[in-house]
Amino acid sequence: MLTRPSFLACLATLALTQPALAQDAPRLTERTYAQLRDYVLPDKEEERWRNVDWKSSYWDAVVEAQKAKKPILLWAMNGHPLGHT
C-alpha cells in the first residue's frame, strides 16, 4: 500500500508527464531527414574499427603480433564470433 508521500509523488509525476506525452512528433521533411540521417549514421572516425585487420584465429594473431612487436587485443564473447548461431 502506498504511503501518502509516495502517492503524492506518483500523482505529481503523472501530472508532469502528461504534457510531454501530448506533444506532436516533428514533421519529417527533406531538411529534417538529412539532419536525422547525419545524426544516426556513424561518421568516419566512428568507423575506424572496420579498418583493423581482425583475426579469427588467436594463433594467427600471436604470430603476426610477435613479428610486428605489437600487443594483442583479445575480445571474448558469448556465442560464435562470426555470428553463426
PDB file of N, CA and C in Angstrom:
ATOM      1  N   MET A   1       0.838  -1.175   0.000  1.00  0.00           N
ATOM      2  CA  MET A   1       0.000   0.000   0.000  1.00  0.00           C
ATOM      3  C   MET A   1       0.885   1.241   0.000  1.00  0.00           C
ATOM      4  N   LEU A   2       0.533   2.235  -0.806  1.00  0.00           N
ATOM      5  CA  LEU A   2       1.315   3.458  -0.908  1.00  0.00           C
ATOM      6  C   LEU A   2       1.083   4.356   0.297  1.00  0.00           C
ATOM      7  N   THR A   3       2.158   4.929   0.774  1.00  0.00           N
ATOM      8  CA  THR A   3       2.016   5.934   1.829  1.00  0.00           C
ATOM      9  C   THR A   3       1.617   7.248   1.176  1.00  0.00           C
ATOM     10  N   ARG A   4       1.191   8.174   1.973  1.00  0.00           N
ATOM     11  CA  ARG A   4       0.721   9.452   1.429  1.00  0.00           C
ATOM     12  C   ARG A   4       1.811  10.181   0.632  1.00  0.00           C
ATOM     13  N   PRO A   5       3.072  10.288   1.151  1.00  0.00           N
ATOM     14  CA  PRO A   5       4.106  10.976   0.351  1.00  0.00           C
ATOM     15  C   PRO A   5       4.403  10.269  -0.975  1.00  0.00           C
ATOM     16  N   SER A   6       4.463   8.940  -0.969  1.00  0.00           N
ATOM     17  CA  SER A   6       4.758   8.250  -2.230  1.00  0.00           C
ATOM     18  C   SER A   6       3.577   8.351  -3.196  1.00  0.00           C
ATOM     19  N   PHE A   7       2.349   8.363  -2.670  1.00  0.00           N
ATOM     20  CA  PHE A   7       1.180   8.559  -3.523  1.00  0.00           C
ATOM     21  C   PHE A   7       1.214   9.937  -4.168  1.00  0.00           C
ATOM     22  N   LEU A   8       1.570  10.951  -3.381  1.00  0.00           N
ATOM     23  CA  LEU A   8       1.653  12.311  -3.919  1.00  0.00           C
ATOM     24  C   LEU A   8       2.778  12.420  -4.949  1.00  0.00           C
ATOM     25  N   ALA A   9       3.881  11.720  -4.717  1.00  0.00           N
ATOM     26  CA  ALA A   9       4.984  11.729  -5.683  1.00  0.00           C
ATOM     27  C   ALA A   9       4.544  11.085  -6.998  1.00  0.00           C
ATOM     28  N   CYS A  10       3.821   9.983  -6.926  1.00  0.00           N
ATOM     29  CA  CYS A  10       3.311   9.326  -8.138  1.00  0.00           C
ATOM     30  C   CYS A  10       2.329  10.228  -8.872  1.00  0.00           C
ATOM     31  N   LEU A  11       1.457  10.873  -8.123  1.00  0.00           N
ATOM     32  CA  LEU A  11       0.472  11.767  -8.715  1.00  0.00           C
ATOM     33  C   LEU A  11       1.157  12.949  -9.404  1.00  0.00           C
ATOM     34  N   ALA A  12       2.176  13.524  -8.760  1.00  0.00           N
ATOM     35  CA  ALA A  12       2.911  14.643  -9.350  1.00  0.00           C
ATOM     36  C   ALA A  12       3.642  14.205 -10.617  1.00  0.00           C
ATOM     37  N   THR A  13       4.219  13.017 -10.599  1.00  0.00           N
ATOM     38  CA  THR A  13       4.916  12.500 -11.779  1.00  0.00           C
ATOM     39  C   THR A  13       3.957  12.343 -12.952  1.00  0.00           C
ATOM     40  N   LEU A  14       2.803  11.786 -12.695  1.00  0.00           N
ATOM     41  CA  LEU A  14       1.808  11.634 -13.760  1.00  0.00           C
ATOM     42  C   LEU A  14       1.347  12.980 -14.294  1.00  0.00           C
ATOM     43  N   ALA A  15       1.146  13.933 -13.403  1.00  0.00           N
ATOM     44  CA  ALA A  15       0.680  15.256 -13.828  1.00  0.00           C
ATOM     45  C   ALA A  15       1.734  15.971 -14.666  1.00  0.00           C
ATOM     46  N   LEU A  16       3.003  15.801 -14.319  1.00  0.00           N
ATOM     47  CA  LEU A  16       4.073  16.496 -15.040  1.00  0.00           C
ATOM     48  C   LEU A  16       4.413  15.836 -16.373  1.00  0.00           C
ATOM     49  N   THR A  17       4.145  14.552 -16.519  1.00  0.00           N
ATOM     50  CA  THR A  17       4.499  13.873 -17.771  1.00  0.00           C
ATOM     51  C   THR A  17       3.398  13.946 -18.816  1.00  0.00           C
ATOM     52  N   GLN A  18       2.207  14.301 -18.464  1.00  0.00           N
ATOM     53  CA  GLN A  18       1.113  14.380 -19.428  1.00  0.00           C
ATOM     54  C   GLN A  18       1.379  15.374 -20.558  1.00  0.00           C
ATOM     55  N   PRO A  19       1.886  16.586 -20.279  1.00  0.00           N
ATOM     56  CA  PRO A  19       2.166  17.498 -21.402  1.00  0.00           C
ATOM     57  C   PRO A  19       3.206  16.933 -22.371  1.00  0.00           C
ATOM     58  N   ALA A  20       4.196  16.213 -21.860  1.00  0.00           N
ATOM     59  CA  ALA A  20       5.216  15.638 -22.737  1.00  0.00           C
ATOM     60  C   ALA A  20       4.615  14.559 -23.633  1.00  0.00           C
ATOM     61  N   LEU A  21       3.674  13.813 -23.126  1.00  0.00           N
ATOM     62  CA  LEU A  21       3.051  12.763 -23.929  1.00  0.00           C
ATOM     63  C   LEU A  21       2.133  13.334 -24.998  1.00  0.00           C
ATOM     64  N   ALA A  22       1.616  14.541 -24.773  1.00  0.00           N
ATOM     65  CA  ALA A  22       0.646  15.122 -25.689  1.00  0.00           C
ATOM     66  C   ALA A  22       1.286  15.870 -26.857  1.00  0.00           C
ATOM     67  N   GLN A  23       2.601  16.038 -26.851  1.00  0.00           N
ATOM     68  CA  GLN A  23       3.254  16.796 -27.920  1.00  0.00           C
ATOM     69  C   GLN A  23       3.239  16.014 -29.225  1.00  0.00           C
ATOM     70  N   ASP A  24       3.066  16.754 -30.319  1.00  0.00           N
ATOM     71  CA  ASP A  24       3.099  16.131 -31.640  1.00  0.00           C
ATOM     72  C   ASP A  24       4.542  15.852 -32.050  1.00  0.00           C
ATOM     73  N   ALA A  25       4.726  14.806 -32.822  1.00  0.00           N
ATOM     74  CA  ALA A  25       6.052  14.488 -33.346  1.00  0.00           C
ATOM     75  C   ALA A  25       6.418  15.507 -34.416  1.00  0.00           C
ATOM     76  N   PRO A  26       7.707  15.868 -34.524  1.00  0.00           N
ATOM     77  CA  PRO A  26       8.103  16.812 -35.572  1.00  0.00           C
ATOM     78  C   PRO A  26       7.887  16.204 -36.954  1.00  0.00           C
ATOM     79  N   ARG A  27       7.554  17.054 -37.904  1.00  0.00           N
ATOM     80  CA  ARG A  27       7.309  16.585 -39.270  1.00  0.00           C
ATOM     81  C   ARG A  27       8.628  16.212 -39.931  1.00  0.00           C
ATOM     82  N   LEU A  28       8.580  15.180 -40.736  1.00  0.00           N
ATOM     83  CA  LEU A  28       9.757  14.726 -41.459  1.00  0.00           C
ATOM     84  C   LEU A  28       9.772  15.384 -42.828  1.00  0.00           C
ATOM     85  N   THR A  29      10.735  16.279 -43.025  1.00  0.00           N
ATOM     86  CA  THR A  29      10.907  16.956 -44.305  1.00  0.00           C
ATOM     87  C   THR A  29      12.275  16.570 -44.856  1.00  0.00           C
ATOM     88  N   GLU A  30      12.606  17.084 -46.028  1.00  0.00           N
ATOM     89  CA  GLU A  30      13.927  16.785 -46.593  1.00  0.00           C
ATOM     90  C   GLU A  30      15.032  17.289 -45.672  1.00  0.00           C
ATOM     91  N   ARG A  31      14.844  18.481 -45.092  1.00  0.00           N
ATOM     92  CA  ARG A  31      15.859  19.048 -44.209  1.00  0.00           C
ATOM     93  C   ARG A  31      15.972  18.256 -42.906  1.00  0.00           C
ATOM     94  N   THR A  32      14.825  17.947 -42.292  1.00  0.00           N
ATOM     95  CA  THR A  32      14.881  17.209 -41.031  1.00  0.00           C
ATOM     96  C   THR A  32      15.339  15.772 -41.258  1.00  0.00           C
ATOM     97  N   TYR A  33      15.029  15.207 -42.424  1.00  0.00           N
ATOM     98  CA  TYR A  33      15.505  13.865 -42.736  1.00  0.00           C
ATOM     99  C   TYR A  33      17.031  13.858 -42.819  1.00  0.00           C
ATOM    100  N   ALA A  34      17.601  14.838 -43.499  1.00  0.00           N
ATOM    101  CA  ALA A  34      19.064  14.916 -43.625  1.00  0.00           C
ATOM    102  C   ALA A  34      19.713  15.090 -42.258  1.00  0.00           C
ATOM    103  N   GLN A  35      19.129  15.914 -41.407  1.00  0.00           N
ATOM    104  CA  GLN A  35      19.675  16.107 -40.058  1.00  0.00           C
ATOM    105  C   GLN A  35      19.604  14.813 -39.255  1.00  0.00           C
ATOM    106  N   LEU A  36      18.475  14.136 -39.325  1.00  0.00           N
ATOM    107  CA  LEU A  36      18.304  12.892 -38.583  1.00  0.00           C
ATOM    108  C   LEU A  36      19.244  11.812 -39.103  1.00  0.00           C
ATOM    109  N   ARG A  37      19.371  11.704 -40.420  1.00  0.00           N
ATOM    110  CA  ARG A  37      20.276  10.722 -41.024  1.00  0.00           C
ATOM    111  C   ARG A  37      21.712  10.968 -40.580  1.00  0.00           C
ATOM    112  N   ASP A  38      22.159  12.232 -40.634  1.00  0.00           N
ATOM    113  CA  ASP A  38      23.523  12.556 -40.239  1.00  0.00           C
ATOM    114  C   ASP A  38      23.755  12.310 -38.755  1.00  0.00           C
ATOM    115  N   TYR A  39      22.724  12.452 -37.947  1.00  0.00           N
ATOM    116  CA  TYR A  39      22.841  12.218 -36.509  1.00  0.00           C
ATOM    117  C   TYR A  39      22.946  10.724 -36.204  1.00  0.00           C
ATOM    118  N   VAL A  40      22.208   9.906 -36.945  1.00  0.00           N
ATOM    119  CA  VAL A  40      22.137   8.476 -36.655  1.00  0.00           C
ATOM    120  C   VAL A  40      23.310   7.698 -37.246  1.00  0.00           C
ATOM    121  N   LEU A  41      23.707   8.011 -38.464  1.00  0.00           N
ATOM    122  CA  LEU A  41      24.774   7.253 -39.117  1.00  0.00           C
ATOM    123  C   LEU A  41      26.137   7.585 -38.512  1.00  0.00           C
ATOM    124  N   PRO A  42      27.007   6.580 -38.378  1.00  0.00           N
ATOM    125  CA  PRO A  42      28.337   6.845 -37.833  1.00  0.00           C
ATOM    126  C   PRO A  42      29.193   7.636 -38.821  1.00  0.00           C
ATOM    127  N   ASP A  43      30.086   8.470 -38.283  1.00  0.00           N
ATOM    128  CA  ASP A  43      30.993   9.217 -39.155  1.00  0.00           C
ATOM    129  C   ASP A  43      32.271   8.400 -39.372  1.00  0.00           C
ATOM    130  N   LYS A  44      33.208   8.945 -40.137  1.00  0.00           N
ATOM    131  CA  LYS A  44      34.429   8.200 -40.473  1.00  0.00           C
ATOM    132  C   LYS A  44      35.243   7.851 -39.236  1.00  0.00           C
ATOM    133  N   GLU A  45      35.262   8.723 -38.248  1.00  0.00           N
ATOM    134  CA  GLU A  45      36.011   8.463 -37.017  1.00  0.00           C
ATOM    135  C   GLU A  45      35.422   7.259 -36.269  1.00  0.00           C
ATOM    136  N   GLU A  46      34.113   7.132 -36.296  1.00  0.00           N
ATOM    137  CA  GLU A  46      33.458   6.022 -35.607  1.00  0.00           C
ATOM    138  C   GLU A  46      33.552   4.712 -36.388  1.00  0.00           C
ATOM    139  N   GLU A  47      33.961   4.771 -37.632  1.00  0.00           N
ATOM    140  CA  GLU A  47      34.076   3.582 -38.475  1.00  0.00           C
ATOM    141  C   GLU A  47      35.508   3.045 -38.551  1.00  0.00           C
ATOM    142  N   ARG A  48      36.438   3.653 -37.808  1.00  0.00           N
ATOM    143  CA  ARG A  48      37.846   3.246 -37.899  1.00  0.00           C
ATOM    144  C   ARG A  48      38.077   1.792 -37.519  1.00  0.00           C
ATOM    145  N   TRP A  49      37.258   1.240 -36.627  1.00  0.00           N
ATOM    146  CA  TRP A  49      37.445  -0.146 -36.199  1.00  0.00           C
ATOM    147  C   TRP A  49      37.291  -1.123 -37.361  1.00  0.00           C
ATOM    148  N   ARG A  50      36.602  -0.711 -38.419  1.00  0.00           N
ATOM    149  CA  ARG A  50      36.410  -1.602 -39.570  1.00  0.00           C
ATOM    150  C   ARG A  50      37.710  -1.800 -40.361  1.00  0.00           C
ATOM    151  N   ASN A  51      38.667  -0.886 -40.195  1.00  0.00           N
ATOM    152  CA  ASN A  51      39.929  -0.969 -40.929  1.00  0.00           C
ATOM    153  C   ASN A  51      40.960  -1.852 -40.241  1.00  0.00           C
ATOM    154  N   VAL A  52      40.679  -2.320 -39.039  1.00  0.00           N
ATOM    155  CA  VAL A  52      41.606  -3.187 -38.316  1.00  0.00           C
ATOM    156  C   VAL A  52      41.579  -4.571 -38.960  1.00  0.00           C
ATOM    157  N   ASP A  53      42.753  -5.153 -39.135  1.00  0.00           N
ATOM    158  CA  ASP A  53      42.844  -6.493 -39.726  1.00  0.00           C
ATOM    159  C   ASP A  53      42.574  -7.530 -38.630  1.00  0.00           C
ATOM    160  N   TRP A  54      41.285  -7.705 -38.304  1.00  0.00           N
ATOM    161  CA  TRP A  54      40.891  -8.625 -37.238  1.00  0.00           C
ATOM    162  C   TRP A  54      41.215 -10.058 -37.633  1.00  0.00           C
ATOM    163  N   LYS A  55      41.628 -10.846 -36.657  1.00  0.00           N
ATOM    164  CA  LYS A  55      41.939 -12.266 -36.886  1.00  0.00           C
ATOM    165  C   LYS A  55      40.891 -13.128 -36.194  1.00  0.00           C
ATOM    166  N   SER A  56      40.466 -14.186 -36.852  1.00  0.00           N
ATOM    167  CA  SER A  56      39.521 -15.106 -36.222  1.00  0.00           C
ATOM    168  C   SER A  56      40.247 -16.235 -35.496  1.00  0.00           C
ATOM    169  N   SER A  57      41.563 -16.336 -35.696  1.00  0.00           N
ATOM    170  CA  SER A  57      42.371 -17.347 -35.022  1.00  0.00           C
ATOM    171  C   SER A  57      43.348 -16.655 -34.070  1.00  0.00           C
ATOM    172  N   TYR A  58      43.338 -17.086 -32.811  1.00  0.00           N
ATOM    173  CA  TYR A  58      44.238 -16.495 -31.819  1.00  0.00           C
ATOM    174  C   TYR A  58      45.697 -16.728 -32.209  1.00  0.00           C
ATOM    175  N   TRP A  59      46.002 -17.924 -32.705  1.00  0.00           N
ATOM    176  CA  TRP A  59      47.388 -18.235 -33.049  1.00  0.00           C
ATOM    177  C   TRP A  59      47.893 -17.353 -34.196  1.00  0.00           C
ATOM    178  N   ASP A  60      47.067 -17.105 -35.196  1.00  0.00           N
ATOM    179  CA  ASP A  60      47.462 -16.204 -36.282  1.00  0.00           C
ATOM    180  C   ASP A  60      47.782 -14.814 -35.737  1.00  0.00           C
ATOM    181  N   ALA A  61      47.001 -14.362 -34.771  1.00  0.00           N
ATOM    182  CA  ALA A  61      47.242 -13.050 -34.165  1.00  0.00           C
ATOM    183  C   ALA A  61      48.543 -13.041 -33.375  1.00  0.00           C
ATOM    184  N   VAL A  62      48.840 -14.133 -32.675  1.00  0.00           N
ATOM    185  CA  VAL A  62      50.087 -14.219 -31.900  1.00  0.00           C
ATOM    186  C   VAL A  62      51.288 -14.140 -32.829  1.00  0.00           C
ATOM    187  N   VAL A  63      51.268 -14.892 -33.900  1.00  0.00           N
ATOM    188  CA  VAL A  63      52.389 -14.905 -34.845  1.00  0.00           C
ATOM    189  C   VAL A  63      52.588 -13.519 -35.449  1.00  0.00           C
ATOM    190  N   GLU A  64      51.502 -12.891 -35.897  1.00  0.00           N
ATOM    191  CA  GLU A  64      51.616 -11.562 -36.503  1.00  0.00           C
ATOM    192  C   GLU A  64      52.058 -10.514 -35.483  1.00  0.00           C
ATOM    193  N   ALA A  65      51.563 -10.601 -34.265  1.00  0.00           N
ATOM    194  CA  ALA A  65      51.928  -9.632 -33.229  1.00  0.00           C
ATOM    195  C   ALA A  65      53.401  -9.764 -32.854  1.00  0.00           C
ATOM    196  N   GLN A  66      53.911 -10.984 -32.806  1.00  0.00           N
ATOM    197  CA  GLN A  66      55.329 -11.173 -32.492  1.00  0.00           C
ATOM    198  C   GLN A  66      56.220 -10.602 -33.591  1.00  0.00           C
ATOM    199  N   LYS A  67      55.821 -10.783 -34.841  1.00  0.00           N
ATOM    200  CA  LYS A  67      56.603 -10.226 -35.949  1.00  0.00           C
ATOM    201  C   LYS A  67      56.609  -8.702 -35.898  1.00  0.00           C
ATOM    202  N   ALA A  68      55.455  -8.104 -35.603  1.00  0.00           N
ATOM    203  CA  ALA A  68      55.330  -6.644 -35.589  1.00  0.00           C
ATOM    204  C   ALA A  68      55.698  -6.036 -34.238  1.00  0.00           C
ATOM    205  N   LYS A  69      55.963  -6.898 -33.238  1.00  0.00           N
ATOM    206  CA  LYS A  69      56.263  -6.446 -31.870  1.00  0.00           C
ATOM    207  C   LYS A  69      55.165  -5.514 -31.349  1.00  0.00           C
ATOM    208  N   LYS A  70      53.929  -5.999 -31.485  1.00  0.00           N
ATOM    209  CA  LYS A  70      52.761  -5.247 -31.024  1.00  0.00           C
ATOM    210  C   LYS A  70      51.929  -6.120 -30.091  1.00  0.00           C
ATOM    211  N   PRO A  71      51.127  -5.495 -29.234  1.00  0.00           N
ATOM    212  CA  PRO A  71      50.270  -6.270 -28.332  1.00  0.00           C
ATOM    213  C   PRO A  71      49.046  -6.828 -29.057  1.00  0.00           C
ATOM    214  N   ILE A  72      48.354  -7.716 -28.373  1.00  0.00           N
ATOM    215  CA  ILE A  72      47.146  -8.336 -28.917  1.00  0.00           C
ATOM    216  C   ILE A  72      45.951  -7.899 -28.079  1.00  0.00           C
ATOM    217  N   LEU A  73      44.881  -7.560 -28.748  1.00  0.00           N
ATOM    218  CA  LEU A  73      43.608  -7.318 -28.071  1.00  0.00           C
ATOM    219  C   LEU A  73      42.790  -8.590 -28.215  1.00  0.00           C
ATOM    220  N   LEU A  74      42.527  -9.239 -27.087  1.00  0.00           N
ATOM    221  CA  LEU A  74      41.729 -10.463 -27.104  1.00  0.00           C
ATOM    222  C   LEU A  74      40.303 -10.097 -26.748  1.00  0.00           C
ATOM    223  N   TRP A  75      39.392 -10.307 -27.685  1.00  0.00           N
ATOM    224  CA  TRP A  75      37.977  -9.987 -27.485  1.00  0.00           C
ATOM    225  C   TRP A  75      37.253 -11.304 -27.248  1.00  0.00           C
ATOM    226  N   ALA A  76      36.688 -11.465 -26.061  1.00  0.00           N
ATOM    227  CA  ALA A  76      35.952 -12.682 -25.724  1.00  0.00           C
ATOM    228  C   ALA A  76      34.477 -12.352 -25.586  1.00  0.00           C
ATOM    229  N   MET A  77      33.646 -13.246 -26.096  1.00  0.00           N
ATOM    230  CA  MET A  77      32.201 -13.020 -26.011  1.00  0.00           C
ATOM    231  C   MET A  77      31.474 -14.349 -25.967  1.00  0.00           C
ATOM    232  N   ASN A  78      30.215 -14.291 -25.631  1.00  0.00           N
ATOM    233  CA  ASN A  78      29.385 -15.476 -25.605  1.00  0.00           C
ATOM    234  C   ASN A  78      28.754 -15.651 -26.983  1.00  0.00           C
ATOM    235  N   GLY A  79      28.926 -16.804 -27.566  1.00  0.00           N
ATOM    236  CA  GLY A  79      28.382 -17.041 -28.896  1.00  0.00           C
ATOM    237  C   GLY A  79      29.492 -17.138 -29.925  1.00  0.00           C
ATOM    238  N   HIS A  80      29.134 -17.477 -31.124  1.00  0.00           N
ATOM    239  CA  HIS A  80      30.106 -17.626 -32.202  1.00  0.00           C
ATOM    240  C   HIS A  80      30.587 -16.249 -32.649  1.00  0.00           C
ATOM    241  N   PRO A  81      31.903 -16.024 -32.756  1.00  0.00           N
ATOM    242  CA  PRO A  81      32.413 -14.691 -33.096  1.00  0.00           C
ATOM    243  C   PRO A  81      32.050 -14.213 -34.494  1.00  0.00           C
ATOM    244  N   LEU A  82      31.717 -15.120 -35.383  1.00  0.00           N
ATOM    245  CA  LEU A  82      31.344 -14.718 -36.735  1.00  0.00           C
ATOM    246  C   LEU A  82      29.830 -14.651 -36.911  1.00  0.00           C
ATOM    247  N   GLY A  83      29.102 -14.774 -35.818  1.00  0.00           N
ATOM    248  CA  GLY A  83      27.656 -14.630 -35.871  1.00  0.00           C
ATOM    249  C   GLY A  83      26.907 -15.868 -36.315  1.00  0.00           C
ATOM    250  N   HIS A  84      27.576 -17.011 -36.356  1.00  0.00           N
ATOM    251  CA  HIS A  84      26.901 -18.253 -36.755  1.00  0.00           C
ATOM    252  C   HIS A  84      26.157 -18.808 -35.548  1.00  0.00           C
ATOM    253  N   THR A  85      24.855 -18.655 -35.552  1.00  0.00           N
ATOM    254  CA  THR A  85      24.075 -19.157 -34.411  1.00  0.00           C
ATOM    255  C   THR A  85      23.099 -20.218 -34.850  1.00  0.00           C
TER     256      THR A  85
END
